[in-house]
Amino acid sequence: MTYTDPAVVSTIQNAIRAEQNYVYACGIAGAELKGGGRRRAVAQIAERQQRIQALAALISEADVPTTPPAFSPPIAIDSARSARASLAQLNNALVGVYADMAASTEGVDRAFAVAGAQSSARTAVQWGAPSQAFPTGD
């Protein structure tokens, strides 16, 4: 389905932007992380790029936001600790972004958004965030 309602398009655009930000942060974090953390960050780049493509398919090509040349992570990434903290915080924020999308979409698209929220919550915990009933970016 291609959504045209401006409110729905906006929630999908927000998800795309948040995922683009996460991909960028994973790239920066990969330079600070070692071993399994680095492998996880690199693997998540590909996973999240696939999510971005799936999200983009839900709206017209003209509505897909372009990827900016850079983002500012919520926490400056200059160590392994700050890399994990930033990735955890970005994933917690994604839970809310996907919840908004789930509230405005339907059918398989709603299921995709719910799965994105669940996956982001699990990933936040994997990066060290405490488990929360309703994670937020704060």
C-alpha atoms as a PDB file:
ATOM      1  CA  MET A   1       0.000   0.000   0.000  1.00  0.00           C
ATOM      2  CA  THR A   2       1.197   3.518  -0.754  1.00  0.00           C
ATOM      3  CA  TYR A   3       0.089   5.990   1.894  1.00  0.00           C
ATOM      4  CA  THR A   4      -0.873   9.503   0.831  1.00  0.00           C
ATOM      5  CA  ASP A   5      -2.497  10.902   3.981  1.00  0.00           C
ATOM      6  CA  PRO A   6      -0.053  13.598   5.163  1.00  0.00           C
ATOM      7  CA  ALA A   7      -0.217  12.496   8.805  1.00  0.00           C
ATOM      8  CA  VAL A   8       0.608   8.888   7.928  1.00  0.00           C
ATOM      9  CA  VAL A   9       3.318   9.933   5.474  1.00  0.00           C
ATOM     10  CA  SER A  10       4.845  12.049   8.246  1.00  0.00           C
ATOM     11  CA  THR A  11       5.069   9.087  10.654  1.00  0.00           C
ATOM     12  CA  ILE A  12       6.747   6.995   7.961  1.00  0.00           C
ATOM     13  CA  GLN A  13       9.154   9.827   7.131  1.00  0.00           C
ATOM     14  CA  ASN A  14      10.001  10.096  10.835  1.00  0.00           C
ATOM     15  CA  ALA A  15      10.798   6.384  10.911  1.00  0.00           C
ATOM     16  CA  ILE A  16      13.006   6.705   7.838  1.00  0.00           C
ATOM     17  CA  ARG A  17      14.905   9.653   9.336  1.00  0.00           C
ATOM     18  CA  ALA A  18      15.345   7.868  12.668  1.00  0.00           C
ATOM     19  CA  GLU A  19      16.647   4.752  10.927  1.00  0.00           C
ATOM     20  CA  GLN A  20      18.999   6.862   8.774  1.00  0.00           C
ATOM     21  CA  ASN A  21      20.317   8.444  11.969  1.00  0.00           C
ATOM     22  CA  TYR A  22      20.810   5.008  13.504  1.00  0.00           C
ATOM     23  CA  VAL A  23      22.721   3.748  10.468  1.00  0.00           C
ATOM     24  CA  TYR A  24      25.001   6.784  10.659  1.00  0.00           C
ATOM     25  CA  ALA A  25      25.545   6.273  14.401  1.00  0.00           C
ATOM     26  CA  CYS A  26      26.356   2.590  13.858  1.00  0.00           C
ATOM     27  CA  GLY A  27      29.067   3.624  11.431  1.00  0.00           C
ATOM     28  CA  ILE A  28      30.608   5.996  13.961  1.00  0.00           C
ATOM     29  CA  ALA A  29      30.182   3.469  16.776  1.00  0.00           C
ATOM     30  CA  GLY A  30      31.903   0.772  14.749  1.00  0.00           C
ATOM     31  CA  ALA A  31      35.107   2.791  14.929  1.00  0.00           C
ATOM     32  CA  GLU A  32      34.965   2.799  18.746  1.00  0.00           C
ATOM     33  CA  LEU A  33      33.681  -0.724  19.415  1.00  0.00           C
ATOM     34  CA  LYS A  34      35.721  -3.922  19.391  1.00  0.00           C
ATOM     35  CA  GLY A  35      34.907  -7.577  18.788  1.00  0.00           C
ATOM     36  CA  GLY A  36      31.260  -8.554  19.060  1.00  0.00           C
ATOM     37  CA  GLY A  37      30.058  -4.991  19.545  1.00  0.00           C
ATOM     38  CA  ARG A  38      31.688  -3.896  16.317  1.00  0.00           C
ATOM     39  CA  ARG A  39      30.303  -6.918  14.442  1.00  0.00           C
ATOM     40  CA  ARG A  40      26.811  -6.193  15.812  1.00  0.00           C
ATOM     41  CA  ALA A  41      26.985  -2.513  14.814  1.00  0.00           C
ATOM     42  CA  VAL A  42      28.164  -3.367  11.296  1.00  0.00           C
ATOM     43  CA  ALA A  43      25.465  -6.042  10.881  1.00  0.00           C
ATOM     44  CA  GLN A  44      22.824  -3.588  12.055  1.00  0.00           C
ATOM     45  CA  ILE A  45      23.804  -1.143   9.318  1.00  0.00           C
ATOM     46  CA  ALA A  46      22.639  -3.626   6.679  1.00  0.00           C
ATOM     47  CA  GLU A  47      19.532  -4.605   8.666  1.00  0.00           C
ATOM     48  CA  ARG A  48      18.481  -0.997   9.141  1.00  0.00           C
ATOM     49  CA  GLN A  49      19.138  -0.118   5.507  1.00  0.00           C
ATOM     50  CA  GLN A  50      16.683  -2.881   4.616  1.00  0.00           C
ATOM     51  CA  ARG A  51      14.148  -1.351   6.994  1.00  0.00           C
ATOM     52  CA  ILE A  52      14.650   2.032   5.338  1.00  0.00           C
ATOM     53  CA  GLN A  53      13.940   0.490   1.935  1.00  0.00           C
ATOM     54  CA  ALA A  54      10.804  -1.208   3.267  1.00  0.00           C
ATOM     55  CA  LEU A  55       9.615   2.062   4.806  1.00  0.00           C
ATOM     56  CA  ALA A  56      10.337   3.991   1.614  1.00  0.00           C
ATOM     57  CA  ALA A  57       8.168   1.546  -0.328  1.00  0.00           C
ATOM     58  CA  LEU A  58       5.155   2.662   1.746  1.00  0.00           C
ATOM     59  CA  ILE A  59       5.167   6.238   0.444  1.00  0.00           C
ATOM     60  CA  SER A  60       5.713   7.924  -2.896  1.00  0.00           C
ATOM     61  CA  GLU A  61       9.283   8.367  -4.037  1.00  0.00           C
ATOM     62  CA  ALA A  62       8.861  12.141  -3.831  1.00  0.00           C
ATOM     63  CA  ASP A  63       7.969  11.847  -0.127  1.00  0.00           C
ATOM     64  CA  VAL A  64      11.036   9.783   0.826  1.00  0.00           C
ATOM     65  CA  PRO A  65      13.429  12.013   2.776  1.00  0.00           C
ATOM     66  CA  THR A  66      16.936  12.221   1.413  1.00  0.00           C
ATOM     67  CA  THR A  67      19.762  11.094   3.618  1.00  0.00           C
ATOM     68  CA  PRO A  68      21.618  14.091   4.998  1.00  0.00           C
ATOM     69  CA  PRO A  69      25.421  14.010   4.863  1.00  0.00           C
ATOM     70  CA  ALA A  70      25.673  13.669   8.648  1.00  0.00           C
ATOM     71  CA  PHE A  71      23.679  13.391  11.844  1.00  0.00           C
ATOM     72  CA  SER A  72      24.412  14.313  15.436  1.00  0.00           C
ATOM     73  CA  PRO A  73      24.031  11.311  17.724  1.00  0.00           C
ATOM     74  CA  PRO A  74      22.234  12.071  21.016  1.00  0.00           C
ATOM     75  CA  ILE A  75      25.456  11.286  22.873  1.00  0.00           C
ATOM     76  CA  ALA A  76      28.799  12.168  21.290  1.00  0.00           C
ATOM     77  CA  ILE A  77      30.448   8.909  20.243  1.00  0.00           C
ATOM     78  CA  ASP A  78      34.071   9.030  21.303  1.00  0.00           C
ATOM     79  CA  SER A  79      34.496   5.755  23.201  1.00  0.00           C
ATOM     80  CA  ALA A  80      33.042   2.257  23.330  1.00  0.00           C
ATOM     81  CA  ARG A  81      30.938   3.267  26.333  1.00  0.00           C
ATOM     82  CA  SER A  82      29.466   6.337  24.624  1.00  0.00           C
ATOM     83  CA  ALA A  83      28.902   4.300  21.451  1.00  0.00           C
ATOM     84  CA  ARG A  84      26.799   1.747  23.323  1.00  0.00           C
ATOM     85  CA  ALA A  85      24.924   4.478  25.218  1.00  0.00           C
ATOM     86  CA  SER A  86      24.139   6.408  22.038  1.00  0.00           C
ATOM     87  CA  LEU A  87      22.949   3.311  20.163  1.00  0.00           C
ATOM     88  CA  ALA A  88      20.802   2.309  23.143  1.00  0.00           C
ATOM     89  CA  GLN A  89      19.221   5.758  23.306  1.00  0.00           C
ATOM     90  CA  LEU A  90      18.573   5.851  19.552  1.00  0.00           C
ATOM     91  CA  ASN A  91      16.850   2.472  19.719  1.00  0.00           C
ATOM     92  CA  ASN A  92      14.690   3.558  22.640  1.00  0.00           C
ATOM     93  CA  ALA A  93      13.643   6.585  20.581  1.00  0.00           C
ATOM     94  CA  LEU A  94      12.841   4.300  17.638  1.00  0.00           C
ATOM     95  CA  VAL A  95      10.335   2.419  19.804  1.00  0.00           C
ATOM     96  CA  GLY A  96       8.220   5.565  20.019  1.00  0.00           C
ATOM     97  CA  VAL A  97       8.678   6.360  16.340  1.00  0.00           C
ATOM     98  CA  TYR A  98       7.448   2.900  15.362  1.00  0.00           C
ATOM     99  CA  ALA A  99       4.579   3.086  17.870  1.00  0.00           C
ATOM    100  CA  ASP A 100       3.417   6.293  16.167  1.00  0.00           C
ATOM    101  CA  MET A 101       3.648   4.570  12.806  1.00  0.00           C
ATOM    102  CA  ALA A 102       1.700   1.557  14.095  1.00  0.00           C
ATOM    103  CA  ALA A 103      -1.066   3.860  15.296  1.00  0.00           C
ATOM    104  CA  SER A 104      -1.485   5.374  11.839  1.00  0.00           C
ATOM    105  CA  THR A 105      -1.026   2.391   9.507  1.00  0.00           C
ATOM    106  CA  GLU A 106      -2.970  -0.805   9.024  1.00  0.00           C
ATOM    107  CA  GLY A 107      -2.605  -4.514   8.261  1.00  0.00           C
ATOM    108  CA  VAL A 108       0.859  -5.775   7.395  1.00  0.00           C
ATOM    109  CA  ASP A 109       2.255  -2.248   7.618  1.00  0.00           C
ATOM    110  CA  ARG A 110       1.048  -1.973  11.213  1.00  0.00           C
ATOM    111  CA  ALA A 111       2.577  -5.393  11.945  1.00  0.00           C
ATOM    112  CA  PHE A 112       5.865  -4.157  10.414  1.00  0.00           C
ATOM    113  CA  ALA A 113       5.798  -1.099  12.682  1.00  0.00           C
ATOM    114  CA  VAL A 114       5.043  -3.203  15.764  1.00  0.00           C
ATOM    115  CA  ALA A 115       7.903  -5.556  14.867  1.00  0.00           C
ATOM    116  CA  GLY A 116      10.179  -2.522  14.422  1.00  0.00           C
ATOM    117  CA  ALA A 117       9.232  -1.244  17.882  1.00  0.00           C
ATOM    118  CA  GLN A 118       9.819  -4.657  19.451  1.00  0.00           C
ATOM    119  CA  SER A 119      13.141  -5.124  17.696  1.00  0.00           C
ATOM    120  CA  SER A 120      14.298  -1.637  18.668  1.00  0.00           C
ATOM    121  CA  ALA A 121      13.392  -2.275  22.318  1.00  0.00           C
ATOM    122  CA  ARG A 122      15.383  -5.535  22.325  1.00  0.00           C
ATOM    123  CA  THR A 123      18.321  -3.871  20.594  1.00  0.00           C
ATOM    124  CA  ALA A 124      18.330  -1.012  23.107  1.00  0.00           C
ATOM    125  CA  VAL A 125      18.673  -3.552  25.920  1.00  0.00           C
ATOM    126  CA  GLN A 126      21.443  -5.352  24.016  1.00  0.00           C
ATOM    127  CA  TRP A 127      23.343  -2.053  23.875  1.00  0.00           C
ATOM    128  CA  GLY A 128      22.962  -1.642  27.626  1.00  0.00           C
ATOM    129  CA  ALA A 129      19.723   0.267  28.159  1.00  0.00           C
ATOM    130  CA  PRO A 130      17.587  -0.873  31.076  1.00  0.00           C
ATOM    131  CA  SER A 131      14.460  -2.751  30.071  1.00  0.00           C
ATOM    132  CA  GLN A 132      11.442  -0.433  30.045  1.00  0.00           C
ATOM    133  CA  ALA A 133       7.728  -0.948  29.546  1.00  0.00           C
ATOM    134  CA  PHE A 134       7.671   1.970  27.115  1.00  0.00           C
ATOM    135  CA  PRO A 135      11.203   3.018  26.101  1.00  0.00           C
ATOM    136  CA  THR A 136      11.732   6.629  25.102  1.00  0.00           C
ATOM    137  CA  GLY A 137      14.560   8.673  23.686  1.00  0.00           C
ATOM    138  CA  ASP A 138      14.919  10.669  26.908  1.00  0.00           C
END
